[in-house]
C-alpha cells in the first residue's frame, strides 16, 4: 500500500494565508462563500425542477 505524500508547499501557503488574515475576516469570507454557494444551489435546483415540469407538460 502506497502512502500519499504531503505537499508541504501547499501547507505552507495555507498557513501563511491563514495567519495573514484576522479571524473575523476569515470567518466572514468563509460565511460569504457559503452564502453564495447556497444561493447557487437553490437557483440550480429550481431551474432543474422547472425543466422537469416543462418536459412533463410537453409529453401530456
PDB file of N, CA and C in Angstrom:
ATOM      1  N   UNK A   1       0.836  -1.181   0.000  1.00  0.00           N
ATOM      2  CA  UNK A   1       0.000   0.000   0.000  1.00  0.00           C
ATOM      3  C   UNK A   1       0.883   1.247   0.000  1.00  0.00           C
ATOM      4  N   UNK A   2       0.599   2.153  -0.895  1.00  0.00           N
ATOM      5  CA  UNK A   2       1.439   3.335  -1.045  1.00  0.00           C
ATOM      6  C   UNK A   2       0.848   4.489  -0.237  1.00  0.00           C
ATOM      7  N   UNK A   3       1.690   5.153   0.535  1.00  0.00           N
ATOM      8  CA  UNK A   3       1.222   6.292   1.307  1.00  0.00           C
ATOM      9  C   UNK A   3       1.268   7.549   0.444  1.00  0.00           C
ATOM     10  N   UNK A   4       0.297   8.416   0.670  1.00  0.00           N
ATOM     11  CA  UNK A   4       0.280   9.674  -0.066  1.00  0.00           C
ATOM     12  C   UNK A   4       1.337  10.610   0.516  1.00  0.00           C
ATOM     13  N   UNK A   5       1.988  11.333  -0.369  1.00  0.00           N
ATOM     14  CA  UNK A   5       2.971  12.290   0.106  1.00  0.00           C
ATOM     15  C   UNK A   5       2.272  13.608   0.423  1.00  0.00           C
ATOM     16  N   UNK A   6       2.810  14.310   1.381  1.00  0.00           N
ATOM     17  CA  UNK A   6       2.235  15.585   1.783  1.00  0.00           C
ATOM     18  C   UNK A   6       2.923  16.682   0.985  1.00  0.00           C
ATOM     19  N   UNK A   7       2.114  17.541   0.401  1.00  0.00           N
ATOM     20  CA  UNK A   7       2.652  18.665  -0.349  1.00  0.00           C
ATOM     21  C   UNK A   7       2.904  19.808   0.637  1.00  0.00           C
ATOM     22  N   UNK A   8       4.128  19.923   1.110  1.00  0.00           N
ATOM     23  CA  UNK A   8       4.463  20.907   2.130  1.00  0.00           C
ATOM     24  C   UNK A   8       4.368  22.343   1.609  1.00  0.00           C
ATOM     25  N   UNK A   9       4.570  22.536   0.326  1.00  0.00           N
ATOM     26  CA  UNK A   9       4.459  23.883  -0.232  1.00  0.00           C
ATOM     27  C   UNK A   9       3.028  24.393  -0.103  1.00  0.00           C
ATOM     28  N   UNK A  10       2.043  23.542  -0.386  1.00  0.00           N
ATOM     29  CA  UNK A  10       0.648  23.946  -0.247  1.00  0.00           C
ATOM     30  C   UNK A  10       0.302  24.226   1.208  1.00  0.00           C
ATOM     31  N   UNK A  11       0.773  23.364   2.093  1.00  0.00           N
ATOM     32  CA  UNK A  11       0.514  23.586   3.517  1.00  0.00           C
ATOM     33  C   UNK A  11       1.123  24.906   3.987  1.00  0.00           C
ATOM     34  N   UNK A  12       2.300  25.233   3.494  1.00  0.00           N
ATOM     35  CA  UNK A  12       2.949  26.486   3.860  1.00  0.00           C
ATOM     36  C   UNK A  12       2.100  27.676   3.445  1.00  0.00           C
ATOM     37  N   UNK A  13       1.597  27.665   2.206  1.00  0.00           N
ATOM     38  CA  UNK A  13       0.815  28.803   1.722  1.00  0.00           C
ATOM     39  C   UNK A  13      -0.531  28.899   2.431  1.00  0.00           C
ATOM     40  N   UNK A  14      -1.126  27.774   2.750  1.00  0.00           N
ATOM     41  CA  UNK A  14      -2.377  27.807   3.522  1.00  0.00           C
ATOM     42  C   UNK A  14      -2.114  28.425   4.889  1.00  0.00           C
ATOM     43  N   UNK A  15      -1.004  28.038   5.513  1.00  0.00           N
ATOM     44  CA  UNK A  15      -0.645  28.592   6.814  1.00  0.00           C
ATOM     45  C   UNK A  15      -0.392  30.096   6.721  1.00  0.00           C
ATOM     46  N   UNK A  16       0.336  30.527   5.693  1.00  0.00           N
ATOM     47  CA  UNK A  16       0.630  31.951   5.522  1.00  0.00           C
ATOM     48  C   UNK A  16      -0.658  32.740   5.317  1.00  0.00           C
ATOM     49  N   UNK A  17      -1.555  32.235   4.482  1.00  0.00           N
ATOM     50  CA  UNK A  17      -2.823  32.935   4.252  1.00  0.00           C
ATOM     51  C   UNK A  17      -3.668  32.988   5.509  1.00  0.00           C
ATOM     52  N   UNK A  18      -3.702  31.900   6.259  1.00  0.00           N
ATOM     53  CA  UNK A  18      -4.493  31.865   7.486  1.00  0.00           C
ATOM     54  C   UNK A  18      -3.942  32.841   8.523  1.00  0.00           C
ATOM     55  N   UNK A  19      -2.642  32.961   8.601  1.00  0.00           N
ATOM     56  CA  UNK A  19      -2.041  33.856   9.590  1.00  0.00           C
ATOM     57  C   UNK A  19      -2.105  35.320   9.160  1.00  0.00           C
ATOM     58  N   UNK A  20      -2.214  35.580   7.865  1.00  0.00           N
ATOM     59  CA  UNK A  20      -2.241  36.962   7.393  1.00  0.00           C
ATOM     60  C   UNK A  20      -3.623  37.594   7.560  1.00  0.00           C
ATOM     61  N   UNK A  21      -4.644  36.793   7.699  1.00  0.00           N
ATOM     62  CA  UNK A  21      -5.997  37.316   7.875  1.00  0.00           C
ATOM     63  C   UNK A  21      -6.366  37.288   9.354  1.00  0.00           C
ATOM     64  N   UNK A  22      -7.180  38.241   9.765  1.00  0.00           N
ATOM     65  CA  UNK A  22      -7.684  38.173  11.126  1.00  0.00           C
ATOM     66  C   UNK A  22      -8.763  37.104  11.184  1.00  0.00           C
ATOM     67  N   UNK A  23      -9.034  36.616  12.360  1.00  0.00           N
ATOM     68  CA  UNK A  23     -10.004  35.517  12.474  1.00  0.00           C
ATOM     69  C   UNK A  23     -11.392  35.955  12.031  1.00  0.00           C
ATOM     70  N   UNK A  24     -11.782  37.168  12.355  1.00  0.00           N
ATOM     71  CA  UNK A  24     -13.108  37.641  11.962  1.00  0.00           C
ATOM     72  C   UNK A  24     -13.219  37.756  10.438  1.00  0.00           C
ATOM     73  N   UNK A  25     -12.161  38.233   9.819  1.00  0.00           N
ATOM     74  CA  UNK A  25     -12.167  38.366   8.366  1.00  0.00           C
ATOM     75  C   UNK A  25     -12.241  36.995   7.709  1.00  0.00           C
ATOM     76  N   UNK A  26     -11.507  36.036   8.255  1.00  0.00           N
ATOM     77  CA  UNK A  26     -11.521  34.683   7.720  1.00  0.00           C
ATOM     78  C   UNK A  26     -12.901  34.057   7.843  1.00  0.00           C
ATOM     79  N   UNK A  27     -13.524  34.200   9.008  1.00  0.00           N
ATOM     80  CA  UNK A  27     -14.861  33.646   9.218  1.00  0.00           C
ATOM     81  C   UNK A  27     -15.859  34.334   8.293  1.00  0.00           C
ATOM     82  N   UNK A  28     -15.726  35.627   8.124  1.00  0.00           N
ATOM     83  CA  UNK A  28     -16.625  36.360   7.226  1.00  0.00           C
ATOM     84  C   UNK A  28     -16.489  35.900   5.785  1.00  0.00           C
ATOM     85  N   UNK A  29     -15.260  35.684   5.343  1.00  0.00           N
ATOM     86  CA  UNK A  29     -15.045  35.204   3.969  1.00  0.00           C
ATOM     87  C   UNK A  29     -15.616  33.805   3.777  1.00  0.00           C
ATOM     88  N   UNK A  30     -15.416  32.942   4.762  1.00  0.00           N
ATOM     89  CA  UNK A  30     -15.965  31.588   4.672  1.00  0.00           C
ATOM     90  C   UNK A  30     -17.484  31.639   4.647  1.00  0.00           C
ATOM     91  N   UNK A  31     -18.072  32.488   5.486  1.00  0.00           N
ATOM     92  CA  UNK A  31     -19.529  32.603   5.522  1.00  0.00           C
ATOM     93  C   UNK A  31     -20.077  33.132   4.204  1.00  0.00           C
ATOM     94  N   UNK A  32     -19.438  34.157   3.645  1.00  0.00           N
ATOM     95  CA  UNK A  32     -19.937  34.715   2.381  1.00  0.00           C
ATOM     96  C   UNK A  32     -19.796  33.703   1.246  1.00  0.00           C
ATOM     97  N   UNK A  33     -18.731  32.916   1.265  1.00  0.00           N
ATOM     98  CA  UNK A  33     -18.588  31.872   0.247  1.00  0.00           C
ATOM     99  C   UNK A  33     -19.703  30.840   0.413  1.00  0.00           C
ATOM    100  N   UNK A  34     -20.054  30.516   1.641  1.00  0.00           N
ATOM    101  CA  UNK A  34     -21.143  29.573   1.899  1.00  0.00           C
ATOM    102  C   UNK A  34     -22.482  30.116   1.444  1.00  0.00           C
ATOM    103  N   UNK A  35     -22.699  31.405   1.663  1.00  0.00           N
ATOM    104  CA  UNK A  35     -23.953  32.030   1.245  1.00  0.00           C
ATOM    105  C   UNK A  35     -24.084  31.976  -0.273  1.00  0.00           C
ATOM    106  N   UNK A  36     -23.021  32.349  -0.971  1.00  0.00           N
ATOM    107  CA  UNK A  36     -23.081  32.336  -2.437  1.00  0.00           C
ATOM    108  C   UNK A  36     -23.230  30.914  -2.973  1.00  0.00           C
ATOM    109  N   UNK A  37     -22.605  29.959  -2.340  1.00  0.00           N
ATOM    110  CA  UNK A  37     -22.766  28.564  -2.745  1.00  0.00           C
ATOM    111  C   UNK A  37     -24.207  28.114  -2.536  1.00  0.00           C
ATOM    112  N   UNK A  38     -24.787  28.481  -1.415  1.00  0.00           N
ATOM    113  CA  UNK A  38     -26.179  28.132  -1.140  1.00  0.00           C
ATOM    114  C   UNK A  38     -27.135  28.747  -2.133  1.00  0.00           C
ATOM    115  N   UNK A  39     -26.919  30.019  -2.462  1.00  0.00           N
ATOM    116  CA  UNK A  39     -27.778  30.686  -3.450  1.00  0.00           C
ATOM    117  C   UNK A  39     -27.660  29.998  -4.801  1.00  0.00           C
ATOM    118  N   UNK A  40     -26.440  29.658  -5.200  1.00  0.00           N
ATOM    119  CA  UNK A  40     -26.231  28.975  -6.470  1.00  0.00           C
ATOM    120  C   UNK A  40     -26.963  27.632  -6.485  1.00  0.00           C
ATOM    121  N   UNK A  41     -26.855  26.866  -5.403  1.00  0.00           N
ATOM    122  CA  UNK A  41     -27.503  25.556  -5.357  1.00  0.00           C
ATOM    123  C   UNK A  41     -29.021  25.674  -5.401  1.00  0.00           C
ATOM    124  N   UNK A  42     -29.589  26.657  -4.715  1.00  0.00           N
ATOM    125  CA  UNK A  42     -31.041  26.841  -4.736  1.00  0.00           C
ATOM    126  C   UNK A  42     -31.509  27.205  -6.141  1.00  0.00           C
ATOM    127  N   UNK A  43     -30.811  28.120  -6.800  1.00  0.00           N
ATOM    128  CA  UNK A  43     -31.192  28.503  -8.163  1.00  0.00           C
ATOM    129  C   UNK A  43     -31.061  27.304  -9.102  1.00  0.00           C
ATOM    130  N   UNK A  44     -30.004  26.525  -8.946  1.00  0.00           N
ATOM    131  CA  UNK A  44     -29.793  25.342  -9.780  1.00  0.00           C
ATOM    132  C   UNK A  44     -30.930  24.337  -9.609  1.00  0.00           C
ATOM    133  N   UNK A  45     -31.332  24.071  -8.377  1.00  0.00           N
ATOM    134  CA  UNK A  45     -32.413  23.115  -8.115  1.00  0.00           C
ATOM    135  C   UNK A  45     -33.732  23.632  -8.681  1.00  0.00           C
ATOM    136  N   UNK A  46     -34.006  24.921  -8.535  1.00  0.00           N
ATOM    137  CA  UNK A  46     -35.248  25.492  -9.077  1.00  0.00           C
ATOM    138  C   UNK A  46     -35.275  25.365 -10.591  1.00  0.00           C
ATOM    139  N   UNK A  47     -34.151  25.635 -11.251  1.00  0.00           N
ATOM    140  CA  UNK A  47     -34.088  25.506 -12.717  1.00  0.00           C
ATOM    141  C   UNK A  47     -34.318  24.052 -13.129  1.00  0.00           C
ATOM    142  N   UNK A  48     -33.723  23.101 -12.428  1.00  0.00           N
ATOM    143  CA  UNK A  48     -33.920  21.681 -12.739  1.00  0.00           C
ATOM    144  C   UNK A  48     -35.387  21.308 -12.592  1.00  0.00           C
ATOM    145  N   UNK A  49     -36.036  21.771 -11.529  1.00  0.00           N
ATOM    146  CA  UNK A  49     -37.456  21.472 -11.321  1.00  0.00           C
ATOM    147  C   UNK A  49     -38.294  22.055 -12.447  1.00  0.00           C
ATOM    148  N   UNK A  50     -38.004  23.278 -12.855  1.00  0.00           N
ATOM    149  CA  UNK A  50     -38.762  23.906 -13.947  1.00  0.00           C
ATOM    150  C   UNK A  50     -38.568  23.129 -15.248  1.00  0.00           C
ATOM    151  N   UNK A  51     -37.353  22.696 -15.531  1.00  0.00           N
ATOM    152  CA  UNK A  51     -37.086  21.928 -16.749  1.00  0.00           C
ATOM    153  C   UNK A  51     -37.846  20.604 -16.716  1.00  0.00           C
ATOM    154  N   UNK A  52     -37.840  19.916 -15.595  1.00  0.00           N
ATOM    155  CA  UNK A  52     -38.547  18.637 -15.477  1.00  0.00           C
ATOM    156  C   UNK A  52     -40.047  18.838 -15.671  1.00  0.00           C
ATOM    157  N   UNK A  53     -40.610  19.856 -15.047  1.00  0.00           N
ATOM    158  CA  UNK A  53     -42.050  20.123 -15.196  1.00  0.00           C
ATOM    159  C   UNK A  53     -42.379  20.491 -16.635  1.00  0.00           C
ATOM    160  N   UNK A  54     -41.529  21.272 -17.294  1.00  0.00           N
ATOM    161  CA  UNK A  54     -41.767  21.665 -18.677  1.00  0.00           C
ATOM    162  C   UNK A  54     -41.735  20.444 -19.596  1.00  0.00           C
ATOM    163  N   UNK A  55     -40.808  19.518 -19.358  1.00  0.00           N
ATOM    164  CA  UNK A  55     -40.722  18.307 -20.201  1.00  0.00           C
ATOM    165  C   UNK A  55     -41.920  17.399 -19.951  1.00  0.00           C
ATOM    166  N   UNK A  56     -42.387  17.330 -18.729  1.00  0.00           N
ATOM    167  CA  UNK A  56     -43.571  16.503 -18.442  1.00  0.00           C
ATOM    168  C   UNK A  56     -44.817  17.092 -19.103  1.00  0.00           C
ATOM    169  N   UNK A  57     -44.875  18.410 -19.167  1.00  0.00           N
ATOM    170  CA  UNK A  57     -46.011  19.086 -19.813  1.00  0.00           C
ATOM    171  C   UNK A  57     -46.044  18.864 -21.312  1.00  0.00           C
ATOM    172  N   UNK A  58     -44.893  18.751 -21.965  1.00  0.00           N
ATOM    173  CA  UNK A  58     -44.843  18.521 -23.407  1.00  0.00           C
ATOM    174  C   UNK A  58     -45.303  17.115 -23.779  1.00  0.00           C
ATOM    175  N   UNK A  59     -45.044  16.131 -22.908  1.00  0.00           N
ATOM    176  CA  UNK A  59     -45.422  14.750 -23.186  1.00  0.00           C
ATOM    177  C   UNK A  59     -46.923  14.545 -23.096  1.00  0.00           C
ATOM    178  N   UNK A  60     -47.578  15.318 -22.237  1.00  0.00           N
ATOM    179  CA  UNK A  60     -49.012  15.131 -21.985  1.00  0.00           C
ATOM    180  C   UNK A  60     -49.868  15.850 -22.919  1.00  0.00           C
TER     181      UNK A  60
END
